[in-house]
């Protein structure tokens, strides 16, 4: 994922999904969020 996460939790990044418009996109607004993506960060960064 190239977007900044909503929250960082240990080795994971939490991203929020907004499906209010025609296409699903990442959002940082919890009021617009309809889902989540939990992404494990690699040990390289």
PDB file of N, CA and C in Angstrom:
ATOM      1  N   UNK A   1       0.850  -1.172   0.000  1.00  0.00           N
ATOM      2  CA  UNK A   1       0.000   0.000   0.000  1.00  0.00           C
ATOM      3  C   UNK A   1       0.896   1.235   0.000  1.00  0.00           C
ATOM      4  N   UNK A   2       0.559   2.183  -0.800  1.00  0.00           N
ATOM      5  CA  UNK A   2       1.357   3.408  -0.858  1.00  0.00           C
ATOM      6  C   UNK A   2       0.732   4.548  -0.055  1.00  0.00           C
ATOM      7  N   UNK A   3      -0.540   4.433   0.312  1.00  0.00           N
ATOM      8  CA  UNK A   3      -1.215   5.471   1.078  1.00  0.00           C
ATOM      9  C   UNK A   3      -0.783   5.407   2.544  1.00  0.00           C
ATOM     10  N   UNK A   4      -0.839   6.551   3.207  1.00  0.00           N
ATOM     11  CA  UNK A   4      -0.550   6.592   4.640  1.00  0.00           C
ATOM     12  C   UNK A   4      -1.655   5.866   5.388  1.00  0.00           C
ATOM     13  N   UNK A   5      -1.304   5.072   6.390  1.00  0.00           N
ATOM     14  CA  UNK A   5      -2.322   4.332   7.128  1.00  0.00           C
ATOM     15  C   UNK A   5      -3.116   5.239   8.056  1.00  0.00           C
ATOM     16  N   UNK A   6      -4.324   4.804   8.392  1.00  0.00           N
ATOM     17  CA  UNK A   6      -5.148   5.485   9.378  1.00  0.00           C
ATOM     18  C   UNK A   6      -4.512   5.324  10.762  1.00  0.00           C
ATOM     19  N   UNK A   7      -4.028   4.113  11.049  1.00  0.00           N
ATOM     20  CA  UNK A   7      -3.337   3.809  12.301  1.00  0.00           C
ATOM     21  C   UNK A   7      -2.249   2.776  12.035  1.00  0.00           C
ATOM     22  N   UNK A   8      -1.199   2.821  12.853  1.00  0.00           N
ATOM     23  CA  UNK A   8      -0.161   1.786  12.841  1.00  0.00           C
ATOM     24  C   UNK A   8      -0.302   0.985  14.119  1.00  0.00           C
ATOM     25  N   UNK A   9      -0.358  -0.330  13.983  1.00  0.00           N
ATOM     26  CA  UNK A   9      -0.561  -1.214  15.121  1.00  0.00           C
ATOM     27  C   UNK A   9       0.503  -2.295  15.097  1.00  0.00           C
ATOM     28  N   UNK A  10       1.573  -2.105  15.846  1.00  0.00           N
ATOM     29  CA  UNK A  10       2.667  -3.075  15.840  1.00  0.00           C
ATOM     30  C   UNK A  10       3.263  -3.181  14.445  1.00  0.00           C
ATOM     31  N   UNK A  11       3.241  -4.382  13.861  1.00  0.00           N
ATOM     32  CA  UNK A  11       3.785  -4.620  12.519  1.00  0.00           C
ATOM     33  C   UNK A  11       2.746  -4.415  11.422  1.00  0.00           C
ATOM     34  N   UNK A  12       1.580  -3.881  11.775  1.00  0.00           N
ATOM     35  CA  UNK A  12       0.481  -3.764  10.824  1.00  0.00           C
ATOM     36  C   UNK A  12       0.052  -2.314  10.633  1.00  0.00           C
ATOM     37  N   UNK A  13      -0.445  -2.022   9.438  1.00  0.00           N
ATOM     38  CA  UNK A  13      -1.055  -0.736   9.114  1.00  0.00           C
ATOM     39  C   UNK A  13      -2.539  -0.960   8.879  1.00  0.00           C
ATOM     40  N   UNK A  14      -3.357  -0.088   9.461  1.00  0.00           N
ATOM     41  CA  UNK A  14      -4.798  -0.150   9.293  1.00  0.00           C
ATOM     42  C   UNK A  14      -5.220   0.945   8.330  1.00  0.00           C
ATOM     43  N   UNK A  15      -5.850   0.550   7.229  1.00  0.00           N
ATOM     44  CA  UNK A  15      -6.372   1.476   6.239  1.00  0.00           C
ATOM     45  C   UNK A  15      -7.892   1.363   6.226  1.00  0.00           C
ATOM     46  N   UNK A  16      -8.572   2.476   6.003  1.00  0.00           N
ATOM     47  CA  UNK A  16     -10.027   2.499   5.951  1.00  0.00           C
ATOM     48  C   UNK A  16     -10.483   2.584   4.504  1.00  0.00           C
ATOM     49  N   UNK A  17     -11.550   1.850   4.184  1.00  0.00           N
ATOM     50  CA  UNK A  17     -12.108   1.845   2.832  1.00  0.00           C
ATOM     51  C   UNK A  17     -13.388   2.661   2.778  1.00  0.00           C
ATOM     52  N   UNK A  18     -13.496   3.503   1.771  1.00  0.00           N
ATOM     53  CA  UNK A  18     -14.680   4.312   1.513  1.00  0.00           C
ATOM     54  C   UNK A  18     -15.320   3.811   0.218  1.00  0.00           C
ATOM     55  N   UNK A  19     -16.560   3.378   0.296  1.00  0.00           N
ATOM     56  CA  UNK A  19     -17.261   2.916  -0.908  1.00  0.00           C
ATOM     57  C   UNK A  19     -18.475   3.787  -1.207  1.00  0.00           C
ATOM     58  N   UNK A  20     -18.478   5.019  -0.685  1.00  0.00           N
ATOM     59  CA  UNK A  20     -19.613   5.921  -0.864  1.00  0.00           C
ATOM     60  C   UNK A  20     -19.769   6.437  -2.281  1.00  0.00           C
ATOM     61  N   UNK A  21     -18.684   6.578  -2.999  1.00  0.00           N
ATOM     62  CA  UNK A  21     -18.749   7.021  -4.388  1.00  0.00           C
ATOM     63  C   UNK A  21     -18.783   5.795  -5.296  1.00  0.00           C
ATOM     64  N   UNK A  22     -18.600   5.995  -6.554  1.00  0.00           N
ATOM     65  CA  UNK A  22     -18.680   4.899  -7.523  1.00  0.00           C
ATOM     66  C   UNK A  22     -17.582   3.851  -7.322  1.00  0.00           C
ATOM     67  N   UNK A  23     -16.378   4.296  -6.955  1.00  0.00           N
ATOM     68  CA  UNK A  23     -15.237   3.385  -6.792  1.00  0.00           C
ATOM     69  C   UNK A  23     -14.819   3.322  -5.329  1.00  0.00           C
ATOM     70  N   UNK A  24     -14.312   2.178  -4.918  1.00  0.00           N
ATOM     71  CA  UNK A  24     -13.772   2.020  -3.568  1.00  0.00           C
ATOM     72  C   UNK A  24     -12.417   2.708  -3.509  1.00  0.00           C
ATOM     73  N   UNK A  25     -12.184   3.441  -2.408  1.00  0.00           N
ATOM     74  CA  UNK A  25     -10.908   4.128  -2.248  1.00  0.00           C
ATOM     75  C   UNK A  25     -10.518   4.147  -0.782  1.00  0.00           C
ATOM     76  N   UNK A  26      -9.253   4.453  -0.514  1.00  0.00           N
ATOM     77  CA  UNK A  26      -8.744   4.577   0.847  1.00  0.00           C
ATOM     78  C   UNK A  26      -9.138   5.949   1.385  1.00  0.00           C
ATOM     79  N   UNK A  27      -9.540   5.997   2.649  1.00  0.00           N
ATOM     80  CA  UNK A  27      -9.878   7.251   3.305  1.00  0.00           C
ATOM     81  C   UNK A  27      -9.280   7.280   4.705  1.00  0.00           C
ATOM     82  N   UNK A  28      -9.100   8.457   5.256  1.00  0.00           N
ATOM     83  CA  UNK A  28      -8.697   8.593   6.654  1.00  0.00           C
ATOM     84  C   UNK A  28      -9.858   9.086   7.500  1.00  0.00           C
ATOM     85  N   UNK A  29     -11.049   9.167   6.913  1.00  0.00           N
ATOM     86  CA  UNK A  29     -12.246   9.632   7.604  1.00  0.00           C
ATOM     87  C   UNK A  29     -13.041   8.435   8.116  1.00  0.00           C
ATOM     88  N   UNK A  30     -13.038   8.188   9.425  1.00  0.00           N
ATOM     89  CA  UNK A  30     -13.745   7.017   9.951  1.00  0.00           C
ATOM     90  C   UNK A  30     -15.258   7.076   9.738  1.00  0.00           C
ATOM     91  N   UNK A  31     -15.816   8.276   9.534  1.00  0.00           N
ATOM     92  CA  UNK A  31     -17.256   8.404   9.285  1.00  0.00           C
ATOM     93  C   UNK A  31     -17.647   7.927   7.890  1.00  0.00           C
ATOM     94  N   UNK A  32     -16.713   7.923   6.958  1.00  0.00           N
ATOM     95  CA  UNK A  32     -16.980   7.465   5.588  1.00  0.00           C
ATOM     96  C   UNK A  32     -16.590   6.002   5.381  1.00  0.00           C
ATOM     97  N   UNK A  33     -15.891   5.435   6.339  1.00  0.00           N
ATOM     98  CA  UNK A  33     -15.352   4.080   6.182  1.00  0.00           C
ATOM     99  C   UNK A  33     -16.458   3.031   6.151  1.00  0.00           C
ATOM    100  N   UNK A  34     -16.330   2.122   5.186  1.00  0.00           N
ATOM    101  CA  UNK A  34     -17.262   1.005   5.045  1.00  0.00           C
ATOM    102  C   UNK A  34     -16.547  -0.332   5.225  1.00  0.00           C
ATOM    103  N   UNK A  35     -15.227  -0.284   5.363  1.00  0.00           N
ATOM    104  CA  UNK A  35     -14.443  -1.500   5.523  1.00  0.00           C
ATOM    105  C   UNK A  35     -13.018  -1.149   5.897  1.00  0.00           C
ATOM    106  N   UNK A  36     -12.217  -2.172   6.115  1.00  0.00           N
ATOM    107  CA  UNK A  36     -10.821  -1.970   6.495  1.00  0.00           C
ATOM    108  C   UNK A  36      -9.898  -2.849   5.657  1.00  0.00           C
ATOM    109  N   UNK A  37      -8.643  -2.444   5.594  1.00  0.00           N
ATOM    110  CA  UNK A  37      -7.559  -3.259   5.041  1.00  0.00           C
ATOM    111  C   UNK A  37      -6.488  -3.306   6.121  1.00  0.00           C
ATOM    112  N   UNK A  38      -6.081  -4.492   6.496  1.00  0.00           N
ATOM    113  CA  UNK A  38      -4.998  -4.671   7.450  1.00  0.00           C
ATOM    114  C   UNK A  38      -3.787  -5.160   6.673  1.00  0.00           C
ATOM    115  N   UNK A  39      -2.749  -4.340   6.626  1.00  0.00           N
ATOM    116  CA  UNK A  39      -1.567  -4.659   5.822  1.00  0.00           C
ATOM    117  C   UNK A  39      -0.363  -4.866   6.734  1.00  0.00           C
ATOM    118  N   UNK A  40       0.317  -5.987   6.570  1.00  0.00           N
ATOM    119  CA  UNK A  40       1.534  -6.249   7.339  1.00  0.00           C
ATOM    120  C   UNK A  40       2.707  -5.551   6.663  1.00  0.00           C
ATOM    121  N   UNK A  41       3.434  -4.763   7.448  1.00  0.00           N
ATOM    122  CA  UNK A  41       4.604  -4.070   6.914  1.00  0.00           C
ATOM    123  C   UNK A  41       5.768  -5.051   6.815  1.00  0.00           C
ATOM    124  N   UNK A  42       6.578  -4.860   5.791  1.00  0.00           N
ATOM    125  CA  UNK A  42       7.781  -5.691   5.655  1.00  0.00           C
ATOM    126  C   UNK A  42       8.829  -5.195   6.643  1.00  0.00           C
ATOM    127  N   UNK A  43       9.793  -6.005   6.944  1.00  0.00           N
ATOM    128  CA  UNK A  43      10.849  -5.645   7.878  1.00  0.00           C
ATOM    129  C   UNK A  43      11.875  -4.711   7.281  1.00  0.00           C
ATOM    130  N   UNK A  44      11.715  -4.326   6.008  1.00  0.00           N
ATOM    131  CA  UNK A  44      12.702  -3.505   5.302  1.00  0.00           C
ATOM    132  C   UNK A  44      12.607  -2.028   5.645  1.00  0.00           C
ATOM    133  N   UNK A  45      11.451  -1.541   6.156  1.00  0.00           N
ATOM    134  CA  UNK A  45      11.320  -0.100   6.391  1.00  0.00           C
ATOM    135  C   UNK A  45      11.374   0.257   7.845  1.00  0.00           C
TER     136      UNK A  45
END
